Amino acid sequence: MREQTYTLGDYVAHPAHGACRVVGVGDVTAAGQTFAALSIAPLAYPRSIVSLPVAKLARARLRVVTAADAEAMAKDWHEPTRSKWAHVPLNVQRARRLASRRASLSNTV
């Protein structure tokens, strides 16, 4: 497999983040280790930056796309569906589930 090269401003398609723009290459420190990483910015989430280790780019399944294709992909990209309770804090959700379980158990006895 031929190694792909990326330049600043390239548009790439990432399997999990959709259309992205290459914004830089630099050193990243995570878990006490420093490594070179390619930074991409998903077009659908303009404030996000995703750093991919350069050593693992071959497995990242990135592919270069045109600017027009990237814009079309970003327009069609959507967030995963959220449950109807996504806006409610988890402790409230748990309390409601426990209350409904207790109610169903008391009805069966």
N, C-alpha and C. Protein backbone atom coordinates (compact mmCIF):
# COMPACT_ATOMS: atom_id res chain seq x y z
N MET A 1 0.84 -1.17 0.00
CA MET A 1 0.00 0.00 0.00
C MET A 1 0.88 1.24 0.00
N ARG A 2 0.56 2.20 -0.88
CA ARG A 2 1.33 3.42 -1.02
C ARG A 2 0.97 4.39 0.09
N GLU A 3 1.98 5.04 0.67
CA GLU A 3 1.74 5.99 1.76
C GLU A 3 1.22 7.30 1.18
N GLN A 4 0.15 7.82 1.74
CA GLN A 4 -0.48 9.06 1.29
C GLN A 4 0.19 10.24 1.96
N THR A 5 0.38 11.33 1.22
CA THR A 5 0.91 12.55 1.81
C THR A 5 -0.20 13.59 1.86
N TYR A 6 -0.20 14.38 2.92
CA TYR A 6 -1.23 15.39 3.12
C TYR A 6 -0.55 16.75 3.28
N THR A 7 -1.18 17.77 2.75
CA THR A 7 -0.67 19.13 2.90
C THR A 7 -1.73 19.98 3.60
N LEU A 8 -1.30 21.08 4.19
CA LEU A 8 -2.24 21.97 4.87
C LEU A 8 -3.32 22.43 3.89
N GLY A 9 -4.55 22.38 4.33
CA GLY A 9 -5.66 22.81 3.50
C GLY A 9 -6.31 21.70 2.69
N ASP A 10 -5.69 20.52 2.63
CA ASP A 10 -6.30 19.38 1.93
C ASP A 10 -7.62 19.01 2.60
N TYR A 11 -8.54 18.53 1.82
CA TYR A 11 -9.79 17.99 2.36
C TYR A 11 -9.69 16.47 2.33
N VAL A 12 -10.05 15.85 3.45
CA VAL A 12 -10.00 14.40 3.55
C VAL A 12 -11.33 13.88 4.07
N ALA A 13 -11.62 12.63 3.76
CA ALA A 13 -12.81 11.96 4.28
C ALA A 13 -12.35 11.00 5.37
N HIS A 14 -12.89 11.16 6.58
CA HIS A 14 -12.58 10.29 7.71
C HIS A 14 -13.81 9.44 7.98
N PRO A 15 -13.66 8.12 8.23
CA PRO A 15 -14.82 7.26 8.40
C PRO A 15 -15.74 7.64 9.55
N ALA A 16 -15.20 8.17 10.64
CA ALA A 16 -16.03 8.50 11.79
C ALA A 16 -16.40 9.98 11.88
N HIS A 17 -15.59 10.86 11.31
CA HIS A 17 -15.81 12.29 11.46
C HIS A 17 -16.28 12.97 10.18
N GLY A 18 -16.37 12.24 9.10
CA GLY A 18 -16.85 12.81 7.84
C GLY A 18 -15.78 13.64 7.16
N ALA A 19 -16.23 14.66 6.43
CA ALA A 19 -15.32 15.52 5.69
C ALA A 19 -14.53 16.40 6.67
N CYS A 20 -13.22 16.45 6.46
CA CYS A 20 -12.34 17.23 7.35
C CYS A 20 -11.34 18.00 6.50
N ARG A 21 -10.76 19.03 7.10
CA ARG A 21 -9.70 19.80 6.47
C ARG A 21 -8.43 19.60 7.29
N VAL A 22 -7.32 19.38 6.62
CA VAL A 22 -6.03 19.22 7.30
C VAL A 22 -5.59 20.60 7.78
N VAL A 23 -5.36 20.71 9.11
CA VAL A 23 -5.00 22.01 9.68
C VAL A 23 -3.59 22.05 10.25
N GLY A 24 -2.91 20.92 10.30
CA GLY A 24 -1.54 20.98 10.78
C GLY A 24 -0.94 19.63 11.12
N VAL A 25 0.37 19.67 11.34
CA VAL A 25 1.11 18.51 11.82
C VAL A 25 1.96 19.02 12.97
N GLY A 26 1.94 18.31 14.08
CA GLY A 26 2.72 18.74 15.22
C GLY A 26 2.86 17.63 16.24
N ASP A 27 3.58 17.94 17.30
CA ASP A 27 3.77 16.98 18.37
C ASP A 27 2.63 17.07 19.36
N VAL A 28 2.13 15.92 19.79
CA VAL A 28 1.05 15.82 20.76
C VAL A 28 1.54 14.95 21.91
N THR A 29 1.20 15.35 23.14
CA THR A 29 1.56 14.55 24.30
C THR A 29 0.28 13.96 24.89
N ALA A 30 0.25 12.64 24.99
CA ALA A 30 -0.89 11.94 25.58
C ALA A 30 -0.36 10.78 26.39
N ALA A 31 -0.86 10.64 27.59
CA ALA A 31 -0.46 9.56 28.50
C ALA A 31 1.05 9.53 28.71
N GLY A 32 1.65 10.72 28.75
CA GLY A 32 3.07 10.81 29.00
C GLY A 32 3.97 10.54 27.82
N GLN A 33 3.40 10.27 26.65
CA GLN A 33 4.19 10.00 25.46
C GLN A 33 3.97 11.11 24.44
N THR A 34 5.03 11.53 23.80
CA THR A 34 4.95 12.55 22.76
C THR A 34 5.11 11.89 21.40
N PHE A 35 4.23 12.24 20.47
CA PHE A 35 4.30 11.66 19.13
C PHE A 35 3.84 12.68 18.11
N ALA A 36 4.25 12.49 16.87
CA ALA A 36 3.84 13.36 15.77
C ALA A 36 2.41 13.01 15.38
N ALA A 37 1.59 14.04 15.14
CA ALA A 37 0.20 13.80 14.81
C ALA A 37 -0.27 14.75 13.71
N LEU A 38 -1.14 14.24 12.87
CA LEU A 38 -1.80 15.03 11.85
C LEU A 38 -3.09 15.56 12.46
N SER A 39 -3.31 16.87 12.38
CA SER A 39 -4.53 17.47 12.94
C SER A 39 -5.50 17.79 11.83
N ILE A 40 -6.73 17.31 12.00
CA ILE A 40 -7.78 17.58 11.02
C ILE A 40 -8.97 18.21 11.73
N ALA A 41 -9.70 19.05 11.01
CA ALA A 41 -10.87 19.73 11.57
C ALA A 41 -12.11 19.27 10.81
N PRO A 42 -13.03 18.57 11.48
CA PRO A 42 -14.26 18.15 10.81
C PRO A 42 -15.08 19.37 10.37
N LEU A 43 -15.55 19.36 9.14
CA LEU A 43 -16.33 20.49 8.63
C LEU A 43 -17.68 20.58 9.31
N ALA A 44 -18.23 19.46 9.73
CA ALA A 44 -19.55 19.46 10.38
C ALA A 44 -19.47 20.00 11.81
N TYR A 45 -18.29 19.96 12.42
CA TYR A 45 -18.09 20.44 13.80
C TYR A 45 -16.91 21.41 13.79
N PRO A 46 -17.14 22.67 13.44
CA PRO A 46 -16.04 23.59 13.19
C PRO A 46 -15.12 23.86 14.37
N ARG A 47 -15.57 23.65 15.60
CA ARG A 47 -14.71 23.92 16.76
C ARG A 47 -13.88 22.72 17.18
N SER A 48 -14.04 21.60 16.51
CA SER A 48 -13.34 20.37 16.90
C SER A 48 -12.04 20.22 16.12
N ILE A 49 -11.07 19.61 16.77
CA ILE A 49 -9.82 19.23 16.12
C ILE A 49 -9.56 17.76 16.49
N VAL A 50 -9.26 16.95 15.51
CA VAL A 50 -8.97 15.54 15.72
C VAL A 50 -7.50 15.34 15.39
N SER A 51 -6.74 14.74 16.30
CA SER A 51 -5.32 14.47 16.08
C SER A 51 -5.13 12.98 15.82
N LEU A 52 -4.50 12.67 14.71
CA LEU A 52 -4.25 11.28 14.33
C LEU A 52 -2.75 11.03 14.34
N PRO A 53 -2.27 10.03 15.07
CA PRO A 53 -0.84 9.74 15.08
C PRO A 53 -0.33 9.44 13.67
N VAL A 54 0.77 10.07 13.30
CA VAL A 54 1.34 9.88 11.96
C VAL A 54 1.70 8.42 11.73
N ALA A 55 2.15 7.72 12.77
CA ALA A 55 2.53 6.32 12.64
C ALA A 55 1.34 5.43 12.30
N LYS A 56 0.12 5.89 12.59
CA LYS A 56 -1.07 5.07 12.35
C LYS A 56 -1.93 5.59 11.21
N LEU A 57 -1.42 6.51 10.41
CA LEU A 57 -2.23 7.08 9.33
C LEU A 57 -2.62 6.04 8.28
N ALA A 58 -1.78 5.05 8.06
CA ALA A 58 -2.10 4.02 7.06
C ALA A 58 -3.37 3.27 7.44
N ARG A 59 -3.60 3.11 8.75
CA ARG A 59 -4.79 2.39 9.22
C ARG A 59 -5.99 3.31 9.44
N ALA A 60 -5.81 4.61 9.31
CA ALA A 60 -6.89 5.56 9.60
C ALA A 60 -7.95 5.62 8.49
N ARG A 61 -7.66 5.07 7.34
CA ARG A 61 -8.58 5.03 6.19
C ARG A 61 -9.02 6.41 5.74
N LEU A 62 -8.10 7.38 5.77
CA LEU A 62 -8.37 8.71 5.23
C LEU A 62 -8.23 8.66 3.72
N ARG A 63 -9.01 9.46 3.05
CA ARG A 63 -8.81 9.60 1.60
C ARG A 63 -9.00 11.05 1.24
N VAL A 64 -8.18 11.53 0.32
CA VAL A 64 -8.25 12.92 -0.11
C VAL A 64 -9.46 13.09 -1.02
N VAL A 65 -10.23 14.16 -0.79
CA VAL A 65 -11.39 14.47 -1.61
C VAL A 65 -11.30 15.93 -2.07
N THR A 66 -12.10 16.27 -3.05
CA THR A 66 -12.11 17.66 -3.53
C THR A 66 -12.89 18.54 -2.55
N ALA A 67 -12.70 19.83 -2.67
CA ALA A 67 -13.40 20.77 -1.79
C ALA A 67 -14.92 20.67 -1.99
N ALA A 68 -15.36 20.49 -3.23
CA ALA A 68 -16.80 20.38 -3.51
C ALA A 68 -17.37 19.11 -2.88
N ASP A 69 -16.64 18.00 -2.99
CA ASP A 69 -17.10 16.75 -2.37
C ASP A 69 -17.14 16.88 -0.85
N ALA A 70 -16.13 17.55 -0.28
CA ALA A 70 -16.08 17.72 1.17
C ALA A 70 -17.26 18.57 1.65
N GLU A 71 -17.58 19.64 0.95
CA GLU A 71 -18.72 20.48 1.33
C GLU A 71 -20.03 19.70 1.24
N ALA A 72 -20.18 18.89 0.21
CA ALA A 72 -21.39 18.08 0.06
C ALA A 72 -21.50 17.05 1.18
N MET A 73 -20.36 16.43 1.54
CA MET A 73 -20.37 15.45 2.63
C MET A 73 -20.71 16.13 3.96
N ALA A 74 -20.16 17.30 4.20
CA ALA A 74 -20.41 18.01 5.47
C ALA A 74 -21.87 18.43 5.57
N LYS A 75 -22.46 18.79 4.44
CA LYS A 75 -23.86 19.21 4.44
C LYS A 75 -24.79 18.04 4.77
N ASP A 76 -24.42 16.85 4.30
CA ASP A 76 -25.24 15.67 4.54
C ASP A 76 -24.92 14.97 5.85
N TRP A 77 -23.81 15.35 6.51
CA TRP A 77 -23.38 14.70 7.74
C TRP A 77 -24.33 15.07 8.86
N HIS A 78 -24.67 14.14 9.69
CA HIS A 78 -25.56 14.42 10.82
C HIS A 78 -25.05 13.73 12.06
N GLU A 79 -25.45 14.24 13.20
CA GLU A 79 -25.05 13.63 14.47
C GLU A 79 -25.82 12.34 14.67
N PRO A 80 -25.25 11.43 15.44
CA PRO A 80 -26.01 10.23 15.78
C PRO A 80 -27.29 10.61 16.51
N THR A 81 -28.31 9.82 16.33
CA THR A 81 -29.59 10.15 16.96
C THR A 81 -29.46 10.07 18.47
N ARG A 82 -30.13 10.98 19.13
CA ARG A 82 -30.10 11.02 20.59
C ARG A 82 -31.41 10.48 21.12
N SER A 83 -31.35 9.95 22.30
CA SER A 83 -32.58 9.47 22.91
C SER A 83 -33.41 10.66 23.37
N LYS A 84 -34.68 10.43 23.64
CA LYS A 84 -35.53 11.53 24.07
C LYS A 84 -35.14 12.05 25.45
N TRP A 85 -34.29 11.30 26.16
CA TRP A 85 -33.87 11.70 27.50
C TRP A 85 -32.46 12.28 27.51
N ALA A 86 -31.88 12.55 26.37
CA ALA A 86 -30.50 12.99 26.32
C ALA A 86 -30.27 14.31 27.05
N HIS A 87 -31.29 15.14 27.13
CA HIS A 87 -31.13 16.44 27.79
C HIS A 87 -31.27 16.35 29.31
N VAL A 88 -31.74 15.21 29.82
CA VAL A 88 -31.96 15.03 31.25
C VAL A 88 -30.69 14.44 31.88
N PRO A 89 -30.21 14.98 33.00
CA PRO A 89 -29.02 14.42 33.63
C PRO A 89 -29.19 12.93 33.94
N LEU A 90 -28.07 12.21 33.91
CA LEU A 90 -28.12 10.75 34.10
C LEU A 90 -28.71 10.34 35.44
N ASN A 91 -28.43 11.09 36.51
CA ASN A 91 -28.96 10.69 37.81
C ASN A 91 -30.49 10.78 37.83
N VAL A 92 -31.06 11.73 37.09
CA VAL A 92 -32.52 11.83 37.01
C VAL A 92 -33.07 10.65 36.20
N GLN A 93 -32.37 10.29 35.13
CA GLN A 93 -32.81 9.14 34.32
C GLN A 93 -32.79 7.87 35.15
N ARG A 94 -31.73 7.68 35.94
CA ARG A 94 -31.64 6.48 36.79
C ARG A 94 -32.77 6.46 37.82
N ALA A 95 -33.04 7.60 38.41
CA ALA A 95 -34.11 7.67 39.41
C ALA A 95 -35.46 7.30 38.79
N ARG A 96 -35.70 7.78 37.58
CA ARG A 96 -36.97 7.45 36.91
C ARG A 96 -37.06 5.96 36.59
N ARG A 97 -35.93 5.38 36.12
CA ARG A 97 -35.93 3.93 35.82
C ARG A 97 -36.17 3.12 37.07
N LEU A 98 -35.50 3.47 38.17
CA LEU A 98 -35.69 2.75 39.42
C LEU A 98 -37.13 2.86 39.92
N ALA A 99 -37.70 4.06 39.81
CA ALA A 99 -39.08 4.25 40.25
C ALA A 99 -40.04 3.41 39.42
N SER A 100 -39.82 3.34 38.11
CA SER A 100 -40.72 2.54 37.27
C SER A 100 -40.54 1.05 37.56
N ARG A 101 -39.29 0.61 37.84
CA ARG A 101 -39.07 -0.81 38.19
C ARG A 101 -39.75 -1.15 39.50
N ARG A 102 -39.62 -0.27 40.48
CA ARG A 102 -40.26 -0.51 41.77
C ARG A 102 -41.78 -0.58 41.61
N ALA A 103 -42.31 0.31 40.78
CA ALA A 103 -43.76 0.32 40.57
C ALA A 103 -44.21 -0.97 39.89
N SER A 104 -43.43 -1.45 38.92
CA SER A 104 -43.82 -2.67 38.20
C SER A 104 -43.68 -3.89 39.12
N LEU A 105 -42.68 -3.89 39.99
CA LEU A 105 -42.51 -4.99 40.93
C LEU A 105 -43.62 -5.02 41.97
N SER A 106 -44.04 -3.86 42.43
CA SER A 106 -45.09 -3.83 43.44
C SER A 106 -46.44 -4.22 42.84
N ASN A 107 -46.61 -4.02 41.55
CA ASN A 107 -47.86 -4.40 40.89
C ASN A 107 -47.94 -5.91 40.67
N THR A 108 -46.81 -6.58 40.57
CA THR A 108 -46.80 -8.01 40.29
C THR A 108 -46.99 -8.85 41.53
N VAL A 109 -46.71 -8.31 42.70
CA VAL A 109 -46.80 -9.06 43.95
C VAL A 109 -48.19 -9.06 44.49
